Amino acid sequence: MLIAAKKKYDIQKLKGLHSAEFEMKDLGAARKILGMEIIRERERRKFFLSQRSYFQKVLARRRSMTGYVFTVGGSVVSWKATLQPMVTLSTTEAEYMALTEAPKKGFG
C-alpha cells in the first residue's frame, strides 16, 4: 500500500490505524509504483511520476530492420541484417540510414 499526504502527521495516523488491524511493514519511501518512477523535490514540496523506462522500451521495439547483401557474379559473398541502433521518424529516414551504412561495410 502506498500512503501519500501533505502532512507527515496524517501518514503516521493512517499507518497507526492500519497497523492496529493488520500486520504491516514500513518499506520506506517509494521509488516506483505501477512501473512508474517517483521523483521527489522535497525542497519545493513536489513530486512527479515518470514513465521514461516504459517509453524507452516502446521505442526500442519500434526500431527498423536494416541490412545489406553483397553479390559477385550473382553469388552472395557477404550479408548482414540487424535492428537499427536508433529510432527513425520515417521509412525514408530508415532507408537513408541503411544506404549510408552499406558502403561503410563494403569498403571498410
PDB file of N, CA and C in Angstrom:
ATOM      1  N   MET A   1       0.849  -1.169   0.000  1.00  0.00           N
ATOM      2  CA  MET A   1       0.000   0.000   0.000  1.00  0.00           C
ATOM      3  C   MET A   1       0.893   1.229   0.000  1.00  0.00           C
ATOM      4  N   LEU A   2       0.572   2.161  -0.842  1.00  0.00           N
ATOM      5  CA  LEU A   2       1.301   3.425  -0.889  1.00  0.00           C
ATOM      6  C   LEU A   2       0.452   4.489  -0.207  1.00  0.00           C
ATOM      7  N   ILE A   3       1.039   5.155   0.775  1.00  0.00           N
ATOM      8  CA  ILE A   3       0.333   6.206   1.504  1.00  0.00           C
ATOM      9  C   ILE A   3       0.981   7.541   1.162  1.00  0.00           C
ATOM     10  N   ALA A   4       0.151   8.499   0.767  1.00  0.00           N
ATOM     11  CA  ALA A   4       0.651   9.838   0.442  1.00  0.00           C
ATOM     12  C   ALA A   4      -0.270  10.871   1.077  1.00  0.00           C
ATOM     13  N   ALA A   5       0.316  11.909   1.628  1.00  0.00           N
ATOM     14  CA  ALA A   5      -0.451  13.002   2.234  1.00  0.00           C
ATOM     15  C   ALA A   5       0.418  14.243   2.279  1.00  0.00           C
ATOM     16  N   LYS A   6      -0.204  15.388   2.471  1.00  0.00           N
ATOM     17  CA  LYS A   6       0.547  16.637   2.564  1.00  0.00           C
ATOM     18  C   LYS A   6       1.306  16.726   3.882  1.00  0.00           C
ATOM     19  N   LYS A   7       0.728  16.176   4.953  1.00  0.00           N
ATOM     20  CA  LYS A   7       1.344  16.280   6.277  1.00  0.00           C
ATOM     21  C   LYS A   7       1.803  14.913   6.766  1.00  0.00           C
ATOM     22  N   LYS A   8       3.003  14.889   7.330  1.00  0.00           N
ATOM     23  CA  LYS A   8       3.559  13.644   7.851  1.00  0.00           C
ATOM     24  C   LYS A   8       2.665  13.071   8.958  1.00  0.00           C
ATOM     25  N   TYR A   9       2.041  13.960   9.726  1.00  0.00           N
ATOM     26  CA  TYR A   9       1.147  13.530  10.803  1.00  0.00           C
ATOM     27  C   TYR A   9       0.018  12.657  10.248  1.00  0.00           C
ATOM     28  N   ASP A  10      -0.552  13.044   9.109  1.00  0.00           N
ATOM     29  CA  ASP A  10      -1.644  12.277   8.503  1.00  0.00           C
ATOM     30  C   ASP A  10      -1.181  10.887   8.081  1.00  0.00           C
ATOM     31  N   ILE A  11       0.034  10.800   7.586  1.00  0.00           N
ATOM     32  CA  ILE A  11       0.593   9.500   7.201  1.00  0.00           C
ATOM     33  C   ILE A  11       0.761   8.626   8.433  1.00  0.00           C
ATOM     34  N   GLN A  12       1.346   9.183   9.493  1.00  0.00           N
ATOM     35  CA  GLN A  12       1.558   8.423  10.730  1.00  0.00           C
ATOM     36  C   GLN A  12       0.227   7.957  11.321  1.00  0.00           C
ATOM     37  N   LYS A  13      -0.777   8.807  11.288  1.00  0.00           N
ATOM     38  CA  LYS A  13      -2.094   8.466  11.832  1.00  0.00           C
ATOM     39  C   LYS A  13      -2.703   7.289  11.067  1.00  0.00           C
ATOM     40  N   LEU A  14      -2.658   7.346   9.732  1.00  0.00           N
ATOM     41  CA  LEU A  14      -3.211   6.267   8.912  1.00  0.00           C
ATOM     42  C   LEU A  14      -2.436   4.964   9.115  1.00  0.00           C
ATOM     43  N   LYS A  15      -1.107   5.071   9.192  1.00  0.00           N
ATOM     44  CA  LYS A  15      -0.290   3.877   9.439  1.00  0.00           C
ATOM     45  C   LYS A  15      -0.640   3.259  10.790  1.00  0.00           C
ATOM     46  N   GLY A  16      -0.882   4.103  11.798  1.00  0.00           N
ATOM     47  CA  GLY A  16      -1.258   3.609  13.122  1.00  0.00           C
ATOM     48  C   GLY A  16      -2.589   2.882  13.101  1.00  0.00           C
ATOM     49  N   LEU A  17      -3.568   3.438  12.409  1.00  0.00           N
ATOM     50  CA  LEU A  17      -4.879   2.798  12.301  1.00  0.00           C
ATOM     51  C   LEU A  17      -4.784   1.445  11.596  1.00  0.00           C
ATOM     52  N   HIS A  18      -4.033   1.399  10.510  1.00  0.00           N
ATOM     53  CA  HIS A  18      -3.897   0.148   9.762  1.00  0.00           C
ATOM     54  C   HIS A  18      -3.095  -0.896  10.533  1.00  0.00           C
ATOM     55  N   SER A  19      -2.029  -0.468  11.187  1.00  0.00           N
ATOM     56  CA  SER A  19      -1.201  -1.446  11.912  1.00  0.00           C
ATOM     57  C   SER A  19      -1.942  -2.033  13.112  1.00  0.00           C
ATOM     58  N   ALA A  20      -2.973  -1.342  13.619  1.00  0.00           N
ATOM     59  CA  ALA A  20      -3.787  -1.896  14.704  1.00  0.00           C
ATOM     60  C   ALA A  20      -4.649  -3.047  14.192  1.00  0.00           C
ATOM     61  N   GLU A  21      -4.994  -3.023  12.917  1.00  0.00           N
ATOM     62  CA  GLU A  21      -5.855  -4.051  12.324  1.00  0.00           C
ATOM     63  C   GLU A  21      -5.087  -5.108  11.531  1.00  0.00           C
ATOM     64  N   PHE A  22      -3.973  -4.704  10.932  1.00  0.00           N
ATOM     65  CA  PHE A  22      -3.234  -5.591  10.037  1.00  0.00           C
ATOM     66  C   PHE A  22      -1.762  -5.626  10.422  1.00  0.00           C
ATOM     67  N   GLU A  23      -1.108  -6.713  10.030  1.00  0.00           N
ATOM     68  CA  GLU A  23       0.345  -6.783  10.204  1.00  0.00           C
ATOM     69  C   GLU A  23       0.959  -5.962   9.075  1.00  0.00           C
ATOM     70  N   MET A  24       1.771  -4.994   9.429  1.00  0.00           N
ATOM     71  CA  MET A  24       2.350  -4.096   8.428  1.00  0.00           C
ATOM     72  C   MET A  24       3.863  -4.016   8.574  1.00  0.00           C
ATOM     73  N   LYS A  25       4.506  -3.672   7.464  1.00  0.00           N
ATOM     74  CA  LYS A  25       5.951  -3.465   7.447  1.00  0.00           C
ATOM     75  C   LYS A  25       6.218  -2.191   6.646  1.00  0.00           C
ATOM     76  N   ASP A  26       6.956  -1.257   7.220  1.00  0.00           N
ATOM     77  CA  ASP A  26       7.275   0.000   6.534  1.00  0.00           C
ATOM     78  C   ASP A  26       8.482  -0.222   5.633  1.00  0.00           C
ATOM     79  N   LEU A  27       8.308  -0.041   4.352  1.00  0.00           N
ATOM     80  CA  LEU A  27       9.391  -0.242   3.381  1.00  0.00           C
ATOM     81  C   LEU A  27      10.097   1.061   3.027  1.00  0.00           C
ATOM     82  N   GLY A  28       9.746   2.138   3.698  1.00  0.00           N
ATOM     83  CA  GLY A  28      10.394   3.421   3.437  1.00  0.00           C
ATOM     84  C   GLY A  28       9.755   4.147   2.270  1.00  0.00           C
ATOM     85  N   ALA A  29      10.442   5.161   1.811  1.00  0.00           N
ATOM     86  CA  ALA A  29       9.932   5.979   0.703  1.00  0.00           C
ATOM     87  C   ALA A  29       9.892   5.159  -0.585  1.00  0.00           C
ATOM     88  N   ALA A  30       8.794   5.261  -1.298  1.00  0.00           N
ATOM     89  CA  ALA A  30       8.630   4.519  -2.554  1.00  0.00           C
ATOM     90  C   ALA A  30       9.489   5.144  -3.650  1.00  0.00           C
ATOM     91  N   ARG A  31      10.059   4.285  -4.500  1.00  0.00           N
ATOM     92  CA  ARG A  31      10.830   4.760  -5.648  1.00  0.00           C
ATOM     93  C   ARG A  31      10.079   4.515  -6.953  1.00  0.00           C
ATOM     94  N   LYS A  32       9.226   3.469  -6.941  1.00  0.00           N
ATOM     95  CA  LYS A  32       8.449   3.111  -8.128  1.00  0.00           C
ATOM     96  C   LYS A  32       7.071   2.643  -7.706  1.00  0.00           C
ATOM     97  N   ILE A  33       6.088   2.878  -8.563  1.00  0.00           N
ATOM     98  CA  ILE A  33       4.746   2.333  -8.372  1.00  0.00           C
ATOM     99  C   ILE A  33       4.132   2.111  -9.747  1.00  0.00           C
ATOM    100  N   LEU A  34       3.576   0.920  -9.941  1.00  0.00           N
ATOM    101  CA  LEU A  34       2.953   0.554 -11.214  1.00  0.00           C
ATOM    102  C   LEU A  34       3.891   0.794 -12.391  1.00  0.00           C
ATOM    103  N   GLY A  35       5.182   0.529 -12.202  1.00  0.00           N
ATOM    104  CA  GLY A  35       6.170   0.690 -13.262  1.00  0.00           C
ATOM    105  C   GLY A  35       6.619   2.119 -13.505  1.00  0.00           C
ATOM    106  N   MET A  36       6.089   3.061 -12.735  1.00  0.00           N
ATOM    107  CA  MET A  36       6.465   4.466 -12.911  1.00  0.00           C
ATOM    108  C   MET A  36       7.450   4.881 -11.824  1.00  0.00           C
ATOM    109  N   GLU A  37       8.460   5.636 -12.207  1.00  0.00           N
ATOM    110  CA  GLU A  37       9.445   6.142 -11.257  1.00  0.00           C
ATOM    111  C   GLU A  37       8.867   7.353 -10.527  1.00  0.00           C
ATOM    112  N   ILE A  38       9.084   7.394  -9.213  1.00  0.00           N
ATOM    113  CA  ILE A  38       8.630   8.524  -8.406  1.00  0.00           C
ATOM    114  C   ILE A  38       9.816   9.457  -8.195  1.00  0.00           C
ATOM    115  N   ILE A  39       9.669  10.697  -8.606  1.00  0.00           N
ATOM    116  CA  ILE A  39      10.733  11.693  -8.474  1.00  0.00           C
ATOM    117  C   ILE A  39      10.258  12.745  -7.472  1.00  0.00           C
ATOM    118  N   ARG A  40      11.054  12.947  -6.422  1.00  0.00           N
ATOM    119  CA  ARG A  40      10.679  13.902  -5.378  1.00  0.00           C
ATOM    120  C   ARG A  40      11.563  15.140  -5.423  1.00  0.00           C
ATOM    121  N   GLU A  41      10.950  16.275  -5.198  1.00  0.00           N
ATOM    122  CA  GLU A  41      11.676  17.525  -4.980  1.00  0.00           C
ATOM    123  C   GLU A  41      11.178  18.052  -3.640  1.00  0.00           C
ATOM    124  N   ARG A  42      11.767  17.515  -2.586  1.00  0.00           N
ATOM    125  CA  ARG A  42      11.290  17.821  -1.231  1.00  0.00           C
ATOM    126  C   ARG A  42      11.359  19.311  -0.904  1.00  0.00           C
ATOM    127  N   GLU A  43      12.431  19.985  -1.331  1.00  0.00           N
ATOM    128  CA  GLU A  43      12.561  21.408  -1.005  1.00  0.00           C
ATOM    129  C   GLU A  43      11.454  22.243  -1.657  1.00  0.00           C
ATOM    130  N   ARG A  44      10.975  21.799  -2.818  1.00  0.00           N
ATOM    131  CA  ARG A  44       9.868  22.503  -3.491  1.00  0.00           C
ATOM    132  C   ARG A  44       8.507  21.905  -3.139  1.00  0.00           C
ATOM    133  N   ARG A  45       8.533  20.823  -2.323  1.00  0.00           N
ATOM    134  CA  ARG A  45       7.317  20.123  -1.897  1.00  0.00           C
ATOM    135  C   ARG A  45       6.509  19.631  -3.102  1.00  0.00           C
ATOM    136  N   LYS A  46       7.210  18.992  -4.047  1.00  0.00           N
ATOM    137  CA  LYS A  46       6.560  18.467  -5.245  1.00  0.00           C
ATOM    138  C   LYS A  46       7.068  17.063  -5.526  1.00  0.00           C
ATOM    139  N   PHE A  47       6.242  16.293  -6.217  1.00  0.00           N
ATOM    140  CA  PHE A  47       6.708  15.006  -6.711  1.00  0.00           C
ATOM    141  C   PHE A  47       6.096  14.762  -8.086  1.00  0.00           C
ATOM    142  N   PHE A  48       6.799  13.943  -8.872  1.00  0.00           N
ATOM    143  CA  PHE A  48       6.402  13.669 -10.240  1.00  0.00           C
ATOM    144  C   PHE A  48       6.462  12.169 -10.481  1.00  0.00           C
ATOM    145  N   LEU A  49       5.672  11.704 -11.431  1.00  0.00           N
ATOM    146  CA  LEU A  49       5.720  10.315 -11.868  1.00  0.00           C
ATOM    147  C   LEU A  49       6.297  10.301 -13.279  1.00  0.00           C
ATOM    148  N   SER A  50       7.263   9.414 -13.517  1.00  0.00           N
ATOM    149  CA  SER A  50       7.918   9.338 -14.821  1.00  0.00           C
ATOM    150  C   SER A  50       7.731   7.950 -15.419  1.00  0.00           C
ATOM    151  N   GLN A  51       7.396   7.905 -16.699  1.00  0.00           N
ATOM    152  CA  GLN A  51       7.292   6.643 -17.426  1.00  0.00           C
ATOM    153  C   GLN A  51       8.438   6.506 -18.422  1.00  0.00           C
ATOM    154  N   ARG A  52       9.568   7.128 -18.123  1.00  0.00           N
ATOM    155  CA  ARG A  52      10.712   7.124 -19.031  1.00  0.00           C
ATOM    156  C   ARG A  52      11.153   5.704 -19.415  1.00  0.00           C
ATOM    157  N   SER A  53      11.282   4.800 -18.442  1.00  0.00           N
ATOM    158  CA  SER A  53      11.760   3.448 -18.750  1.00  0.00           C
ATOM    159  C   SER A  53      10.772   2.717 -19.658  1.00  0.00           C
ATOM    160  N   TYR A  54       9.469   2.886 -19.427  1.00  0.00           N
ATOM    161  CA  TYR A  54       8.459   2.274 -20.298  1.00  0.00           C
ATOM    162  C   TYR A  54       8.574   2.846 -21.713  1.00  0.00           C
ATOM    163  N   PHE A  55       8.707   4.159 -21.817  1.00  0.00           N
ATOM    164  CA  PHE A  55       8.805   4.819 -23.111  1.00  0.00           C
ATOM    165  C   PHE A  55      10.044   4.342 -23.874  1.00  0.00           C
ATOM    166  N   GLN A  56      11.166   4.169 -23.174  1.00  0.00           N
ATOM    167  CA  GLN A  56      12.390   3.692 -23.822  1.00  0.00           C
ATOM    168  C   GLN A  56      12.213   2.269 -24.347  1.00  0.00           C
ATOM    169  N   LYS A  57      11.494   1.426 -23.604  1.00  0.00           N
ATOM    170  CA  LYS A  57      11.234   0.057 -24.067  1.00  0.00           C
ATOM    171  C   LYS A  57      10.356   0.067 -25.313  1.00  0.00           C
ATOM    172  N   VAL A  58       9.353   0.938 -25.343  1.00  0.00           N
ATOM    173  CA  VAL A  58       8.480   1.052 -26.515  1.00  0.00           C
ATOM    174  C   VAL A  58       9.292   1.488 -27.728  1.00  0.00           C
ATOM    175  N   LEU A  59      10.147   2.487 -27.562  1.00  0.00           N
ATOM    176  CA  LEU A  59      10.976   2.953 -28.676  1.00  0.00           C
ATOM    177  C   LEU A  59      11.933   1.873 -29.154  1.00  0.00           C
ATOM    178  N   ALA A  60      12.494   1.104 -28.233  1.00  0.00           N
ATOM    179  CA  ALA A  60      13.432   0.043 -28.613  1.00  0.00           C
ATOM    180  C   ALA A  60      12.741  -1.006 -29.479  1.00  0.00           C
ATOM    181  N   ARG A  61      11.476  -1.277 -29.211  1.00  0.00           N
ATOM    182  CA  ARG A  61      10.729  -2.254 -30.006  1.00  0.00           C
ATOM    183  C   ARG A  61      10.356  -1.711 -31.381  1.00  0.00           C
ATOM    184  N   ARG A  62      10.392  -0.397 -31.560  1.00  0.00           N
ATOM    185  CA  ARG A  62       9.972   0.221 -32.807  1.00  0.00           C
ATOM    186  C   ARG A  62      11.129   0.458 -33.779  1.00  0.00           C
ATOM    187  N   ARG A  63      12.308  -0.051 -33.473  1.00  0.00           N
ATOM    188  CA  ARG A  63      13.441   0.164 -34.378  1.00  0.00           C
ATOM    189  C   ARG A  63      13.229  -0.610 -35.676  1.00  0.00           C
ATOM    190  N   SER A  64      13.732  -0.077 -36.753  1.00  0.00           N
ATOM    191  CA  SER A  64      13.603  -0.707 -38.066  1.00  0.00           C
ATOM    192  C   SER A  64      14.734  -1.698 -38.291  1.00  0.00           C
ATOM    193  N   MET A  65      14.463  -2.676 -39.142  1.00  0.00           N
ATOM    194  CA  MET A  65      15.480  -3.640 -39.541  1.00  0.00           C
ATOM    195  C   MET A  65      16.275  -3.018 -40.682  1.00  0.00           C
ATOM    196  N   THR A  66      17.574  -3.159 -40.633  1.00  0.00           N
ATOM    197  CA  THR A  66      18.424  -2.662 -41.710  1.00  0.00           C
ATOM    198  C   THR A  66      19.408  -3.761 -42.080  1.00  0.00           C
ATOM    199  N   GLY A  67      19.864  -3.746 -43.306  1.00  0.00           N
ATOM    200  CA  GLY A  67      20.801  -4.780 -43.711  1.00  0.00           C
ATOM    201  C   GLY A  67      21.349  -4.526 -45.103  1.00  0.00           C
ATOM    202  N   TYR A  68      22.229  -5.432 -45.517  1.00  0.00           N
ATOM    203  CA  TYR A  68      22.804  -5.323 -46.854  1.00  0.00           C
ATOM    204  C   TYR A  68      23.192  -6.710 -47.342  1.00  0.00           C
ATOM    205  N   VAL A  69      23.307  -6.840 -48.668  1.00  0.00           N
ATOM    206  CA  VAL A  69      23.762  -8.080 -49.308  1.00  0.00           C
ATOM    207  C   VAL A  69      24.728  -7.672 -50.414  1.00  0.00           C
ATOM    208  N   PHE A  70      25.955  -8.235 -50.393  1.00  0.00           N
ATOM    209  CA  PHE A  70      26.920  -8.012 -51.469  1.00  0.00           C
ATOM    210  C   PHE A  70      26.998  -9.288 -52.299  1.00  0.00           C
ATOM    211  N   THR A  71      26.885  -9.118 -53.606  1.00  0.00           N
ATOM    212  CA  THR A  71      26.962 -10.272 -54.504  1.00  0.00           C
ATOM    213  C   THR A  71      28.071 -10.060 -55.527  1.00  0.00           C
ATOM    214  N   VAL A  72      28.653 -11.159 -55.959  1.00  0.00           N
ATOM    215  CA  VAL A  72      29.648 -11.151 -57.038  1.00  0.00           C
ATOM    216  C   VAL A  72      29.235 -12.250 -58.001  1.00  0.00           C
ATOM    217  N   GLY A  73      28.946 -11.868 -59.229  1.00  0.00           N
ATOM    218  CA  GLY A  73      28.536 -12.843 -60.241  1.00  0.00           C
ATOM    219  C   GLY A  73      27.252 -13.567 -59.864  1.00  0.00           C
ATOM    220  N   GLY A  74      26.380 -12.896 -59.136  1.00  0.00           N
ATOM    221  CA  GLY A  74      25.105 -13.500 -58.754  1.00  0.00           C
ATOM    222  C   GLY A  74      25.166 -14.331 -57.485  1.00  0.00           C
ATOM    223  N   SER A  75      26.364 -14.479 -56.907  1.00  0.00           N
ATOM    224  CA  SER A  75      26.507 -15.255 -55.667  1.00  0.00           C
ATOM    225  C   SER A  75      26.706 -14.313 -54.483  1.00  0.00           C
ATOM    226  N   VAL A  76      26.078 -14.645 -53.374  1.00  0.00           N
ATOM    227  CA  VAL A  76      26.193 -13.828 -52.162  1.00  0.00           C
ATOM    228  C   VAL A  76      27.568 -14.048 -51.545  1.00  0.00           C
ATOM    229  N   VAL A  77      28.292 -12.950 -51.294  1.00  0.00           N
ATOM    230  CA  VAL A  77      29.600 -13.054 -50.647  1.00  0.00           C
ATOM    231  C   VAL A  77      29.577 -12.483 -49.227  1.00  0.00           C
ATOM    232  N   SER A  78      28.621 -11.613 -48.945  1.00  0.00           N
ATOM    233  CA  SER A  78      28.524 -11.035 -47.606  1.00  0.00           C
ATOM    234  C   SER A  78      27.118 -10.488 -47.396  1.00  0.00           C
ATOM    235  N   TRP A  79      26.601 -10.655 -46.176  1.00  0.00           N
ATOM    236  CA  TRP A  79      25.287 -10.100 -45.860  1.00  0.00           C
ATOM    237  C   TRP A  79      25.182  -9.855 -44.364  1.00  0.00           C
ATOM    238  N   LYS A  80      24.267  -8.973 -43.998  1.00  0.00           N
ATOM    239  CA  LYS A  80      24.036  -8.690 -42.587  1.00  0.00           C
ATOM    240  C   LYS A  80      22.657  -8.056 -42.431  1.00  0.00           C
ATOM    241  N   ALA A  81      21.946  -8.425 -41.366  1.00  0.00           N
ATOM    242  CA  ALA A  81      20.649  -7.823 -41.041  1.00  0.00           C
ATOM    243  C   ALA A  81      20.589  -7.619 -39.531  1.00  0.00           C
ATOM    244  N   THR A  82      20.337  -6.388 -39.103  1.00  0.00           N
ATOM    245  CA  THR A  82      20.250  -6.068 -37.673  1.00  0.00           C
ATOM    246  C   THR A  82      19.193  -4.995 -37.448  1.00  0.00           C
ATOM    247  N   LEU A  83      18.822  -4.844 -36.182  1.00  0.00           N
ATOM    248  CA  LEU A  83      17.953  -3.724 -35.828  1.00  0.00           C
ATOM    249  C   LEU A  83      18.793  -2.458 -35.827  1.00  0.00           C
ATOM    250  N   GLN A  84      18.234  -1.384 -36.319  1.00  0.00           N
ATOM    251  CA  GLN A  84      18.973  -0.128 -36.339  1.00  0.00           C
ATOM    252  C   GLN A  84      19.263   0.321 -34.913  1.00  0.00           C
ATOM    253  N   PRO A  85      20.418   0.950 -34.700  1.00  0.00           N
ATOM    254  CA  PRO A  85      20.778   1.382 -33.347  1.00  0.00           C
ATOM    255  C   PRO A  85      19.960   2.567 -32.845  1.00  0.00           C
ATOM    256  N   MET A  86      19.143   3.166 -33.708  1.00  0.00           N
ATOM    257  CA  MET A  86      18.333   4.308 -33.277  1.00  0.00           C
ATOM    258  C   MET A  86      16.960   4.236 -33.916  1.00  0.00           C
ATOM    259  N   VAL A  87      16.036   4.970 -33.372  1.00  0.00           N
ATOM    260  CA  VAL A  87      14.672   5.029 -33.890  1.00  0.00           C
ATOM    261  C   VAL A  87      14.606   6.113 -34.958  1.00  0.00           C
ATOM    262  N   THR A  88      14.009   5.778 -36.103  1.00  0.00           N
ATOM    263  CA  THR A  88      13.838   6.773 -37.161  1.00  0.00           C
ATOM    264  C   THR A  88      12.394   7.257 -37.172  1.00  0.00           C
ATOM    265  N   LEU A  89      12.186   8.442 -37.690  1.00  0.00           N
ATOM    266  CA  LEU A  89      10.848   9.031 -37.710  1.00  0.00           C
ATOM    267  C   LEU A  89      10.077   8.712 -38.985  1.00  0.00           C
ATOM    268  N   SER A  90      10.763   8.156 -39.994  1.00  0.00           N
ATOM    269  CA  SER A  90      10.071   7.825 -41.238  1.00  0.00           C
ATOM    270  C   SER A  90      10.801   6.683 -41.932  1.00  0.00           C
ATOM    271  N   THR A  91      10.115   6.018 -42.873  1.00  0.00           N
ATOM    272  CA  THR A  91      10.761   4.946 -43.633  1.00  0.00           C
ATOM    273  C   THR A  91      11.836   5.521 -44.542  1.00  0.00           C
ATOM    274  N   THR A  92      11.647   6.735 -45.025  1.00  0.00           N
ATOM    275  CA  THR A  92      12.666   7.378 -45.860  1.00  0.00           C
ATOM    276  C   THR A  92      13.955   7.554 -45.073  1.00  0.00           C
ATOM    277  N   GLU A  93      13.821   7.996 -43.829  1.00  0.00           N
ATOM    278  CA  GLU A  93      14.996   8.169 -42.974  1.00  0.00           C
ATOM    279  C   GLU A  93      15.673   6.820 -42.714  1.00  0.00           C
ATOM    280  N   ALA A  94      14.887   5.768 -42.505  1.00  0.00           N
ATOM    281  CA  ALA A  94      15.442   4.431 -42.274  1.00  0.00           C
ATOM    282  C   ALA A  94      16.190   3.944 -43.512  1.00  0.00           C
ATOM    283  N   GLU A  95      15.617   4.167 -44.698  1.00  0.00           N
ATOM    284  CA  GLU A  95      16.274   3.753 -45.938  1.00  0.00           C
ATOM    285  C   GLU A  95      17.568   4.531 -46.158  1.00  0.00           C
ATOM    286  N   TYR A  96      17.562   5.805 -45.853  1.00  0.00           N
ATOM    287  CA  TYR A  96      18.766   6.624 -45.983  1.00  0.00           C
ATOM    288  C   TYR A  96      19.864   6.098 -45.056  1.00  0.00           C
ATOM    289  N   MET A  97      19.495   5.753 -43.835  1.00  0.00           N
ATOM    290  CA  MET A  97      20.488   5.227 -42.890  1.00  0.00           C
ATOM    291  C   MET A  97      21.082   3.920 -43.408  1.00  0.00           C
ATOM    292  N   ALA A  98      20.233   3.037 -43.948  1.00  0.00           N
ATOM    293  CA  ALA A  98      20.718   1.768 -44.492  1.00  0.00           C
ATOM    294  C   ALA A  98      21.635   2.016 -45.683  1.00  0.00           C
ATOM    295  N   LEU A  99      21.270   2.975 -46.520  1.00  0.00           N
ATOM    296  CA  LEU A  99      22.057   3.310 -47.706  1.00  0.00           C
ATOM    297  C   LEU A  99      23.443   3.831 -47.341  1.00  0.00           C
ATOM    298  N   THR A 100      23.549   4.562 -46.242  1.00  0.00           N
ATOM    299  CA  THR A 100      24.854   5.092 -45.834  1.00  0.00           C
ATOM    300  C   THR A 100      25.695   4.051 -45.102  1.00  0.00           C
ATOM    301  N   GLU A 101      25.052   3.032 -44.517  1.00  0.00           N
ATOM    302  CA  GLU A 101      25.800   2.007 -43.784  1.00  0.00           C
ATOM    303  C   GLU A 101      26.437   0.967 -44.706  1.00  0.00           C
ATOM    304  N   ALA A 102      25.752   0.578 -45.775  1.00  0.00           N
ATOM    305  CA  ALA A 102      26.250  -0.485 -46.659  1.00  0.00           C
ATOM    306  C   ALA A 102      27.636  -0.191 -47.236  1.00  0.00           C
ATOM    307  N   PRO A 103      27.884   0.999 -47.800  1.00  0.00           N
ATOM    308  CA  PRO A 103      29.235   1.266 -48.323  1.00  0.00           C
ATOM    309  C   PRO A 103      30.317   1.209 -47.238  1.00  0.00           C
ATOM    310  N   LYS A 104      29.980   1.592 -46.028  1.00  0.00           N
ATOM    311  CA  LYS A 104      30.965   1.524 -44.941  1.00  0.00           C
ATOM    312  C   LYS A 104      31.408   0.087 -44.719  1.00  0.00           C
ATOM    313  N   LYS A 105      30.470  -0.846 -44.818  1.00  0.00           N
ATOM    314  CA  LYS A 105      30.791  -2.256 -44.597  1.00  0.00           C
ATOM    315  C   LYS A 105      31.526  -2.840 -45.796  1.00  0.00           C
ATOM    316  N   GLY A 106      31.145  -2.396 -47.006  1.00  0.00           N
ATOM    317  CA  GLY A 106      31.752  -2.941 -48.214  1.00  0.00           C
ATOM    318  C   GLY A 106      33.176  -2.478 -48.442  1.00  0.00           C
ATOM    319  N   PHE A 107      33.479  -1.245 -48.071  1.00  0.00           N
ATOM    320  CA  PHE A 107      34.807  -0.690 -48.306  1.00  0.00           C
ATOM    321  C   PHE A 107      35.669  -0.653 -47.057  1.00  0.00           C
ATOM    322  N   GLY A 108      35.084  -0.992 -45.903  1.00  0.00           N
ATOM    323  CA  GLY A 108      35.815  -0.904 -44.634  1.00  0.00           C
ATOM    324  C   GLY A 108      36.604  -2.072 -44.404  1.00  0.00           C
TER     325      GLY A 108
END
